[in-house]
Amino acid sequence: MELIIPITGNVKHAITLDPTVWIFDDRRIDLDVFFTEEFVEKDEMEEYKEKMGKHWSREIMEGATYPPTIRSEKRYEKDKMLTSSFAVVLQPFLRNAVPSANATTFTLITKDNEKYTYPLAEAANILFKFSHEGKPLREDGPVHVLFKDGSNQDSPIRHVQAIQVD
């Protein structure tokens, strides 16, 4: 099974996606929380500014030393990465491929040559699930396609092999 997904077609830059590295991406979404009422979508820049502000305040108050809880915080994050299910939003990847001005749709192509076509504007509502309970989706992956509204949560599109922009 191929673990990379090419984005080709009516784009300025044909790019490839490697879902195996997304576990380290700060844009990843914890699916164990996403489809519950507890999830709050955050602006990446605002979240970064908030983190940096807290870090700056901590350094001013405590000096440049690390607090005694830093080890347990890192262990918690590591355990979470090894046991949770994660996804990323498709839109930033399509934006990086720079679709042509006349491009209007993209098509997800599966291993069995099934094709699912959506308007480019819908990319913001499509999640690529790349991890289930801390493990990559090797059997029926490399990604599962989920909709943000959760309508296909029990029956995602599987075996996605390519994305064609038209």
N, C-alpha and C. Protein backbone atom coordinates (compact mmCIF):
# COMPACT_ATOMS: atom_id res chain seq x y z
N MET A 1 0.84 -1.18 0.00
CA MET A 1 0.00 0.00 0.00
C MET A 1 0.89 1.25 0.00
N GLU A 2 0.55 2.16 -0.85
CA GLU A 2 1.27 3.43 -0.95
C GLU A 2 0.84 4.34 0.20
N LEU A 3 1.80 4.94 0.89
CA LEU A 3 1.48 5.79 2.04
C LEU A 3 1.48 7.27 1.72
N ILE A 4 1.76 7.64 0.47
CA ILE A 4 1.71 9.05 0.10
C ILE A 4 0.53 9.30 -0.82
N ILE A 5 0.04 10.54 -0.79
CA ILE A 5 -1.12 10.91 -1.60
C ILE A 5 -0.72 12.11 -2.46
N PRO A 6 -0.67 11.94 -3.79
CA PRO A 6 -0.33 13.07 -4.64
C PRO A 6 -1.54 13.98 -4.87
N ILE A 7 -1.28 15.28 -4.96
CA ILE A 7 -2.29 16.25 -5.39
C ILE A 7 -1.82 16.74 -6.76
N THR A 8 -2.62 16.43 -7.77
CA THR A 8 -2.25 16.76 -9.14
C THR A 8 -3.43 17.42 -9.85
N GLY A 9 -3.23 17.70 -11.12
CA GLY A 9 -4.31 18.26 -11.93
C GLY A 9 -4.10 19.73 -12.20
N ASN A 10 -5.17 20.49 -12.07
CA ASN A 10 -5.19 21.90 -12.41
C ASN A 10 -4.62 22.74 -11.25
N VAL A 11 -3.35 22.47 -10.92
CA VAL A 11 -2.67 23.16 -9.83
C VAL A 11 -1.31 23.69 -10.31
N LYS A 12 -0.83 24.71 -9.65
CA LYS A 12 0.47 25.28 -10.00
C LYS A 12 1.60 24.35 -9.53
N HIS A 13 1.41 23.75 -8.34
CA HIS A 13 2.43 22.86 -7.76
C HIS A 13 1.81 21.49 -7.48
N ALA A 14 2.28 20.47 -8.18
CA ALA A 14 1.86 19.11 -7.85
C ALA A 14 2.63 18.72 -6.59
N ILE A 15 1.92 18.38 -5.53
CA ILE A 15 2.59 18.05 -4.27
C ILE A 15 2.16 16.66 -3.80
N THR A 16 2.92 16.11 -2.86
CA THR A 16 2.56 14.83 -2.27
C THR A 16 2.37 15.02 -0.77
N LEU A 17 1.39 14.31 -0.23
CA LEU A 17 1.10 14.35 1.19
C LEU A 17 1.60 13.07 1.82
N ASP A 18 2.24 13.20 2.98
CA ASP A 18 2.73 12.04 3.72
C ASP A 18 2.04 12.00 5.09
N PRO A 19 0.95 11.26 5.22
CA PRO A 19 0.20 11.23 6.47
C PRO A 19 0.98 10.68 7.66
N THR A 20 2.08 9.98 7.42
CA THR A 20 2.84 9.39 8.52
C THR A 20 3.54 10.44 9.37
N VAL A 21 3.70 11.66 8.87
CA VAL A 21 4.37 12.71 9.64
C VAL A 21 3.40 13.69 10.29
N TRP A 22 2.11 13.55 10.01
CA TRP A 22 1.14 14.50 10.54
C TRP A 22 0.97 14.42 12.05
N ILE A 23 1.42 13.35 12.67
CA ILE A 23 1.31 13.24 14.13
C ILE A 23 2.09 14.37 14.80
N PHE A 24 3.09 14.90 14.11
CA PHE A 24 3.91 15.99 14.64
C PHE A 24 3.39 17.37 14.23
N ASP A 25 2.34 17.42 13.42
CA ASP A 25 1.78 18.67 12.92
C ASP A 25 0.90 19.31 13.99
N ASP A 26 1.12 20.57 14.27
CA ASP A 26 0.33 21.28 15.29
C ASP A 26 -1.12 21.48 14.85
N ARG A 27 -1.40 21.30 13.57
CA ARG A 27 -2.77 21.47 13.08
C ARG A 27 -3.62 20.22 13.27
N ARG A 28 -3.03 19.17 13.83
CA ARG A 28 -3.80 17.93 13.99
C ARG A 28 -4.97 18.15 14.95
N ILE A 29 -6.03 17.41 14.71
CA ILE A 29 -7.26 17.52 15.50
C ILE A 29 -7.47 16.20 16.22
N ASP A 30 -7.72 16.27 17.51
CA ASP A 30 -8.00 15.07 18.30
C ASP A 30 -9.45 14.66 18.05
N LEU A 31 -9.65 13.57 17.34
CA LEU A 31 -11.00 13.14 16.99
C LEU A 31 -11.79 12.61 18.18
N ASP A 32 -11.09 12.23 19.26
CA ASP A 32 -11.79 11.77 20.45
C ASP A 32 -12.58 12.90 21.09
N VAL A 33 -12.19 14.14 20.78
CA VAL A 33 -12.88 15.31 21.32
C VAL A 33 -13.66 16.05 20.24
N PHE A 34 -13.20 15.97 18.98
CA PHE A 34 -13.76 16.78 17.91
C PHE A 34 -15.25 16.60 17.72
N PHE A 35 -15.73 15.38 17.72
CA PHE A 35 -17.14 15.12 17.45
C PHE A 35 -18.00 15.18 18.72
N THR A 36 -17.51 15.86 19.74
CA THR A 36 -18.29 16.09 20.96
C THR A 36 -18.55 17.57 21.10
N GLU A 37 -19.42 17.95 22.00
CA GLU A 37 -19.72 19.37 22.20
C GLU A 37 -18.59 20.11 22.92
N GLU A 38 -17.58 19.37 23.39
CA GLU A 38 -16.47 20.00 24.11
C GLU A 38 -15.47 20.67 23.17
N PHE A 39 -15.47 20.31 21.89
CA PHE A 39 -14.47 20.82 20.96
C PHE A 39 -14.74 22.27 20.59
N VAL A 40 -13.69 23.07 20.63
CA VAL A 40 -13.77 24.47 20.23
C VAL A 40 -12.67 24.70 19.20
N GLU A 41 -13.05 25.11 17.99
CA GLU A 41 -12.06 25.36 16.94
C GLU A 41 -11.34 26.66 17.25
N LYS A 42 -10.01 26.63 17.16
CA LYS A 42 -9.20 27.79 17.49
C LYS A 42 -8.45 28.29 16.28
N ASP A 43 -8.20 29.58 16.26
CA ASP A 43 -7.37 30.18 15.24
C ASP A 43 -5.92 29.86 15.57
N GLU A 44 -5.16 29.32 14.60
CA GLU A 44 -3.79 28.90 14.84
C GLU A 44 -2.92 30.04 15.34
N MET A 45 -3.04 31.22 14.75
CA MET A 45 -2.20 32.34 15.14
C MET A 45 -2.54 32.80 16.56
N GLU A 46 -3.83 32.85 16.87
CA GLU A 46 -4.23 33.25 18.22
C GLU A 46 -3.74 32.25 19.26
N GLU A 47 -3.82 30.97 18.93
CA GLU A 47 -3.35 29.93 19.85
C GLU A 47 -1.84 30.06 20.06
N TYR A 48 -1.09 30.33 18.99
CA TYR A 48 0.35 30.52 19.08
C TYR A 48 0.68 31.72 19.97
N LYS A 49 -0.03 32.83 19.75
CA LYS A 49 0.21 34.03 20.55
C LYS A 49 -0.08 33.76 22.03
N GLU A 50 -1.14 33.03 22.29
CA GLU A 50 -1.51 32.71 23.67
C GLU A 50 -0.43 31.85 24.34
N LYS A 51 0.07 30.83 23.61
CA LYS A 51 1.12 29.97 24.14
C LYS A 51 2.39 30.77 24.43
N MET A 52 2.75 31.64 23.49
CA MET A 52 3.97 32.43 23.67
C MET A 52 3.82 33.41 24.83
N GLY A 53 2.62 33.98 24.98
CA GLY A 53 2.37 34.88 26.11
C GLY A 53 2.51 34.16 27.44
N LYS A 54 1.95 32.94 27.53
CA LYS A 54 2.08 32.16 28.76
C LYS A 54 3.53 31.80 29.03
N HIS A 55 4.25 31.42 27.97
CA HIS A 55 5.67 31.08 28.13
C HIS A 55 6.46 32.30 28.61
N TRP A 56 6.20 33.44 28.02
CA TRP A 56 6.88 34.67 28.39
C TRP A 56 6.59 35.03 29.85
N SER A 57 5.33 34.94 30.24
CA SER A 57 4.95 35.23 31.62
C SER A 57 5.62 34.26 32.58
N ARG A 58 5.67 32.99 32.21
CA ARG A 58 6.30 31.99 33.07
C ARG A 58 7.78 32.31 33.26
N GLU A 59 8.46 32.71 32.17
CA GLU A 59 9.88 33.05 32.28
C GLU A 59 10.09 34.27 33.16
N ILE A 60 9.22 35.26 33.06
CA ILE A 60 9.36 36.45 33.88
C ILE A 60 9.14 36.12 35.35
N MET A 61 8.12 35.34 35.63
CA MET A 61 7.78 35.02 37.02
C MET A 61 8.74 34.01 37.65
N GLU A 62 9.15 32.98 36.88
CA GLU A 62 9.92 31.88 37.46
C GLU A 62 11.35 31.83 36.97
N GLY A 63 11.72 32.69 36.06
CA GLY A 63 13.05 32.61 35.46
C GLY A 63 13.02 31.65 34.30
N ALA A 64 14.18 31.36 33.76
CA ALA A 64 14.27 30.51 32.58
C ALA A 64 14.26 29.02 32.93
N THR A 65 13.98 28.67 34.17
CA THR A 65 13.92 27.26 34.54
C THR A 65 12.57 26.68 34.19
N TYR A 66 12.52 25.39 34.07
CA TYR A 66 11.27 24.72 33.76
C TYR A 66 10.51 24.41 35.04
N PRO A 67 9.20 24.48 34.99
CA PRO A 67 8.42 24.18 36.19
C PRO A 67 8.50 22.68 36.52
N PRO A 68 8.22 22.30 37.74
CA PRO A 68 8.34 20.89 38.13
C PRO A 68 7.35 19.97 37.41
N THR A 69 6.33 20.53 36.78
CA THR A 69 5.32 19.71 36.10
C THR A 69 5.64 19.46 34.64
N ILE A 70 6.74 19.99 34.13
CA ILE A 70 7.02 19.90 32.69
C ILE A 70 7.17 18.45 32.23
N ARG A 71 7.79 17.59 33.06
CA ARG A 71 7.94 16.18 32.68
C ARG A 71 6.60 15.49 32.57
N SER A 72 5.73 15.73 33.53
CA SER A 72 4.42 15.06 33.49
C SER A 72 3.59 15.60 32.33
N GLU A 73 3.74 16.89 31.99
CA GLU A 73 3.03 17.46 30.85
C GLU A 73 3.49 16.80 29.56
N LYS A 74 4.80 16.61 29.40
CA LYS A 74 5.34 15.96 28.20
C LYS A 74 4.91 14.50 28.14
N ARG A 75 4.90 13.81 29.27
CA ARG A 75 4.48 12.41 29.31
C ARG A 75 3.01 12.29 28.92
N TYR A 76 2.19 13.23 29.41
CA TYR A 76 0.77 13.22 29.08
C TYR A 76 0.57 13.40 27.57
N GLU A 77 1.30 14.33 26.96
CA GLU A 77 1.19 14.56 25.52
C GLU A 77 1.64 13.33 24.73
N LYS A 78 2.72 12.69 25.19
CA LYS A 78 3.21 11.50 24.51
C LYS A 78 2.18 10.37 24.61
N ASP A 79 1.63 10.16 25.79
CA ASP A 79 0.61 9.12 25.97
C ASP A 79 -0.61 9.39 25.12
N LYS A 80 -0.99 10.67 25.02
CA LYS A 80 -2.14 11.05 24.21
C LYS A 80 -1.89 10.73 22.74
N MET A 81 -0.67 10.98 22.26
CA MET A 81 -0.33 10.70 20.87
C MET A 81 -0.36 9.20 20.59
N LEU A 82 -0.08 8.39 21.59
CA LEU A 82 -0.03 6.95 21.41
C LEU A 82 -1.39 6.26 21.57
N THR A 83 -2.40 6.99 22.01
CA THR A 83 -3.69 6.35 22.26
C THR A 83 -4.88 7.04 21.58
N SER A 84 -4.70 8.22 21.05
CA SER A 84 -5.82 8.98 20.47
C SER A 84 -5.90 8.79 18.95
N SER A 85 -7.02 9.23 18.40
CA SER A 85 -7.23 9.23 16.95
C SER A 85 -7.14 10.67 16.47
N PHE A 86 -6.45 10.88 15.35
CA PHE A 86 -6.20 12.23 14.89
C PHE A 86 -6.55 12.41 13.41
N ALA A 87 -6.80 13.66 13.05
CA ALA A 87 -7.08 14.04 11.66
C ALA A 87 -6.52 15.43 11.40
N VAL A 88 -6.44 15.80 10.13
CA VAL A 88 -6.08 17.16 9.73
C VAL A 88 -7.11 17.61 8.69
N VAL A 89 -7.27 18.92 8.57
CA VAL A 89 -8.18 19.49 7.59
C VAL A 89 -7.48 19.49 6.23
N LEU A 90 -8.20 19.16 5.19
CA LEU A 90 -7.64 19.07 3.84
C LEU A 90 -7.28 20.44 3.24
N GLN A 91 -8.03 21.47 3.55
CA GLN A 91 -7.91 22.77 2.89
C GLN A 91 -6.48 23.33 2.80
N PRO A 92 -5.68 23.36 3.88
CA PRO A 92 -4.34 23.95 3.74
C PRO A 92 -3.47 23.26 2.70
N PHE A 93 -3.64 21.97 2.52
CA PHE A 93 -2.83 21.23 1.55
C PHE A 93 -3.24 21.60 0.13
N LEU A 94 -4.54 21.72 -0.11
CA LEU A 94 -5.00 22.15 -1.44
C LEU A 94 -4.55 23.59 -1.72
N ARG A 95 -4.60 24.43 -0.69
CA ARG A 95 -4.16 25.82 -0.86
C ARG A 95 -2.68 25.87 -1.22
N ASN A 96 -1.86 25.00 -0.63
CA ASN A 96 -0.42 24.96 -0.93
C ASN A 96 -0.15 24.48 -2.35
N ALA A 97 -1.03 23.69 -2.91
CA ALA A 97 -0.86 23.24 -4.29
C ALA A 97 -1.20 24.35 -5.28
N VAL A 98 -1.85 25.41 -4.83
CA VAL A 98 -2.24 26.58 -5.61
C VAL A 98 -3.09 26.18 -6.83
N PRO A 99 -4.37 25.87 -6.59
CA PRO A 99 -5.26 25.57 -7.72
C PRO A 99 -5.34 26.75 -8.68
N SER A 100 -5.47 26.46 -9.96
CA SER A 100 -5.61 27.51 -10.97
C SER A 100 -6.90 28.29 -10.74
N ALA A 101 -6.95 29.48 -11.28
CA ALA A 101 -8.12 30.34 -11.09
C ALA A 101 -9.40 29.70 -11.64
N ASN A 102 -9.27 28.88 -12.67
CA ASN A 102 -10.46 28.24 -13.25
C ASN A 102 -10.78 26.87 -12.63
N ALA A 103 -10.01 26.44 -11.63
CA ALA A 103 -10.28 25.17 -10.94
C ALA A 103 -11.49 25.35 -10.03
N THR A 104 -12.41 24.40 -10.06
CA THR A 104 -13.62 24.52 -9.26
C THR A 104 -13.88 23.32 -8.35
N THR A 105 -13.30 22.17 -8.69
CA THR A 105 -13.57 20.96 -7.92
C THR A 105 -12.29 20.18 -7.65
N PHE A 106 -12.39 19.25 -6.72
CA PHE A 106 -11.32 18.28 -6.51
C PHE A 106 -11.97 16.91 -6.38
N THR A 107 -11.23 15.89 -6.78
CA THR A 107 -11.74 14.52 -6.76
C THR A 107 -10.82 13.66 -5.91
N LEU A 108 -11.41 12.93 -4.96
CA LEU A 108 -10.68 11.95 -4.18
C LEU A 108 -10.76 10.62 -4.91
N ILE A 109 -9.63 10.02 -5.20
CA ILE A 109 -9.59 8.77 -5.95
C ILE A 109 -9.10 7.66 -5.04
N THR A 110 -9.87 6.57 -4.95
CA THR A 110 -9.51 5.47 -4.06
C THR A 110 -8.75 4.39 -4.81
N LYS A 111 -8.28 3.43 -4.05
CA LYS A 111 -7.54 2.29 -4.58
C LYS A 111 -8.36 1.52 -5.62
N ASP A 112 -9.66 1.45 -5.42
CA ASP A 112 -10.55 0.73 -6.36
C ASP A 112 -11.04 1.63 -7.50
N ASN A 113 -10.40 2.78 -7.66
CA ASN A 113 -10.71 3.78 -8.69
C ASN A 113 -12.12 4.38 -8.52
N GLU A 114 -12.64 4.36 -7.30
CA GLU A 114 -13.87 5.09 -7.01
C GLU A 114 -13.50 6.56 -6.93
N LYS A 115 -14.41 7.42 -7.39
CA LYS A 115 -14.12 8.85 -7.41
C LYS A 115 -15.21 9.61 -6.68
N TYR A 116 -14.78 10.52 -5.81
CA TYR A 116 -15.69 11.36 -5.03
C TYR A 116 -15.31 12.81 -5.31
N THR A 117 -16.20 13.55 -5.96
CA THR A 117 -15.91 14.91 -6.38
C THR A 117 -16.65 15.92 -5.51
N TYR A 118 -15.92 16.98 -5.12
CA TYR A 118 -16.45 18.04 -4.25
C TYR A 118 -15.99 19.40 -4.77
N PRO A 119 -16.75 20.46 -4.48
CA PRO A 119 -16.29 21.82 -4.81
C PRO A 119 -15.06 22.17 -3.96
N LEU A 120 -14.17 22.97 -4.50
CA LEU A 120 -12.97 23.37 -3.75
C LEU A 120 -13.32 24.02 -2.40
N ALA A 121 -14.43 24.74 -2.36
CA ALA A 121 -14.83 25.41 -1.12
C ALA A 121 -15.13 24.41 0.00
N GLU A 122 -15.45 23.17 -0.36
CA GLU A 122 -15.77 22.14 0.64
C GLU A 122 -14.54 21.57 1.32
N ALA A 123 -13.34 21.88 0.84
CA ALA A 123 -12.11 21.33 1.42
C ALA A 123 -11.97 21.70 2.90
N ALA A 124 -12.54 22.83 3.30
CA ALA A 124 -12.47 23.24 4.70
C ALA A 124 -13.33 22.35 5.59
N ASN A 125 -14.25 21.60 5.00
CA ASN A 125 -15.15 20.74 5.77
C ASN A 125 -14.77 19.27 5.70
N ILE A 126 -13.60 18.99 5.13
CA ILE A 126 -13.16 17.61 4.98
C ILE A 126 -11.93 17.36 5.85
N LEU A 127 -12.01 16.29 6.63
CA LEU A 127 -10.91 15.89 7.50
C LEU A 127 -10.26 14.63 6.95
N PHE A 128 -8.95 14.58 7.03
CA PHE A 128 -8.21 13.37 6.69
C PHE A 128 -7.77 12.72 8.00
N LYS A 129 -8.45 11.64 8.37
CA LYS A 129 -8.07 10.90 9.57
C LYS A 129 -6.86 10.05 9.22
N PHE A 130 -5.78 10.20 9.98
CA PHE A 130 -4.55 9.49 9.67
C PHE A 130 -4.11 8.55 10.78
N SER A 131 -4.80 8.60 11.93
CA SER A 131 -4.40 7.78 13.07
C SER A 131 -5.64 7.31 13.81
N HIS A 132 -5.65 6.04 14.18
CA HIS A 132 -6.75 5.50 14.98
C HIS A 132 -6.15 4.84 16.22
N GLU A 133 -6.50 5.38 17.37
CA GLU A 133 -5.99 4.90 18.67
C GLU A 133 -4.47 4.79 18.66
N GLY A 134 -3.84 5.83 18.12
CA GLY A 134 -2.38 5.93 18.15
C GLY A 134 -1.66 5.17 17.06
N LYS A 135 -2.38 4.53 16.16
CA LYS A 135 -1.73 3.74 15.12
C LYS A 135 -2.09 4.27 13.73
N PRO A 136 -1.12 4.26 12.80
CA PRO A 136 -1.42 4.71 11.43
C PRO A 136 -2.42 3.76 10.77
N LEU A 137 -3.13 4.26 9.78
CA LEU A 137 -4.16 3.49 9.08
C LEU A 137 -3.52 2.71 7.92
N ARG A 138 -2.83 1.66 8.24
CA ARG A 138 -2.10 0.89 7.22
C ARG A 138 -3.01 -0.04 6.42
N GLU A 139 -3.99 -0.63 7.04
CA GLU A 139 -4.84 -1.62 6.37
C GLU A 139 -5.76 -1.00 5.32
N ASP A 140 -6.44 0.08 5.67
CA ASP A 140 -7.42 0.67 4.76
C ASP A 140 -7.20 2.16 4.58
N GLY A 141 -5.95 2.58 4.71
CA GLY A 141 -5.60 3.98 4.61
C GLY A 141 -4.91 4.28 3.30
N PRO A 142 -4.06 5.26 3.30
CA PRO A 142 -3.38 5.88 4.42
C PRO A 142 -4.24 6.89 5.20
N VAL A 143 -5.38 7.29 4.63
CA VAL A 143 -6.27 8.21 5.34
C VAL A 143 -7.72 7.74 5.17
N HIS A 144 -8.54 8.17 6.11
CA HIS A 144 -9.99 8.04 5.98
C HIS A 144 -10.54 9.44 5.84
N VAL A 145 -11.49 9.63 4.97
CA VAL A 145 -12.08 10.95 4.75
C VAL A 145 -13.34 11.06 5.59
N LEU A 146 -13.35 12.07 6.47
CA LEU A 146 -14.49 12.36 7.33
C LEU A 146 -15.00 13.76 7.02
N PHE A 147 -16.28 13.97 7.21
CA PHE A 147 -16.84 15.31 7.07
C PHE A 147 -16.93 15.93 8.46
N LYS A 148 -16.68 17.24 8.54
CA LYS A 148 -16.69 17.92 9.83
C LYS A 148 -18.02 17.79 10.58
N ASP A 149 -19.10 17.64 9.84
CA ASP A 149 -20.40 17.52 10.51
C ASP A 149 -20.62 16.13 11.11
N GLY A 150 -19.70 15.21 10.88
CA GLY A 150 -19.78 13.88 11.46
C GLY A 150 -20.74 12.94 10.76
N SER A 151 -21.29 13.34 9.62
CA SER A 151 -22.31 12.55 8.94
C SER A 151 -21.80 11.20 8.44
N ASN A 152 -20.51 11.08 8.16
CA ASN A 152 -19.98 9.79 7.69
C ASN A 152 -18.97 9.21 8.68
N GLN A 153 -19.10 9.56 9.92
CA GLN A 153 -18.16 9.11 10.95
C GLN A 153 -18.09 7.58 11.03
N ASP A 154 -19.20 6.89 10.82
CA ASP A 154 -19.23 5.44 10.89
C ASP A 154 -18.89 4.77 9.56
N SER A 155 -18.92 5.53 8.48
CA SER A 155 -18.60 4.96 7.17
C SER A 155 -17.77 5.95 6.34
N PRO A 156 -16.52 6.18 6.74
CA PRO A 156 -15.69 7.14 6.02
C PRO A 156 -15.25 6.59 4.65
N ILE A 157 -14.78 7.49 3.82
CA ILE A 157 -14.19 7.08 2.54
C ILE A 157 -12.80 6.55 2.88
N ARG A 158 -12.51 5.35 2.44
CA ARG A 158 -11.23 4.69 2.77
C ARG A 158 -10.38 4.49 1.51
N HIS A 159 -9.13 4.11 1.72
CA HIS A 159 -8.20 3.78 0.65
C HIS A 159 -7.96 4.93 -0.32
N VAL A 160 -7.92 6.17 0.16
CA VAL A 160 -7.66 7.31 -0.74
C VAL A 160 -6.22 7.24 -1.23
N GLN A 161 -6.07 7.27 -2.55
CA GLN A 161 -4.74 7.13 -3.17
C GLN A 161 -4.26 8.41 -3.85
N ALA A 162 -5.21 9.30 -4.25
CA ALA A 162 -4.82 10.51 -4.98
C ALA A 162 -5.91 11.57 -4.89
N ILE A 163 -5.49 12.82 -5.15
CA ILE A 163 -6.42 13.94 -5.21
C ILE A 163 -6.17 14.63 -6.55
N GLN A 164 -7.23 14.77 -7.31
CA GLN A 164 -7.15 15.40 -8.63
C GLN A 164 -7.94 16.71 -8.58
N VAL A 165 -7.31 17.84 -8.88
CA VAL A 165 -7.98 19.13 -8.91
C VAL A 165 -8.39 19.40 -10.35
N ASP A 166 -9.67 19.78 -10.52
CA ASP A 166 -10.20 20.04 -11.86
C ASP A 166 -10.72 21.45 -11.98
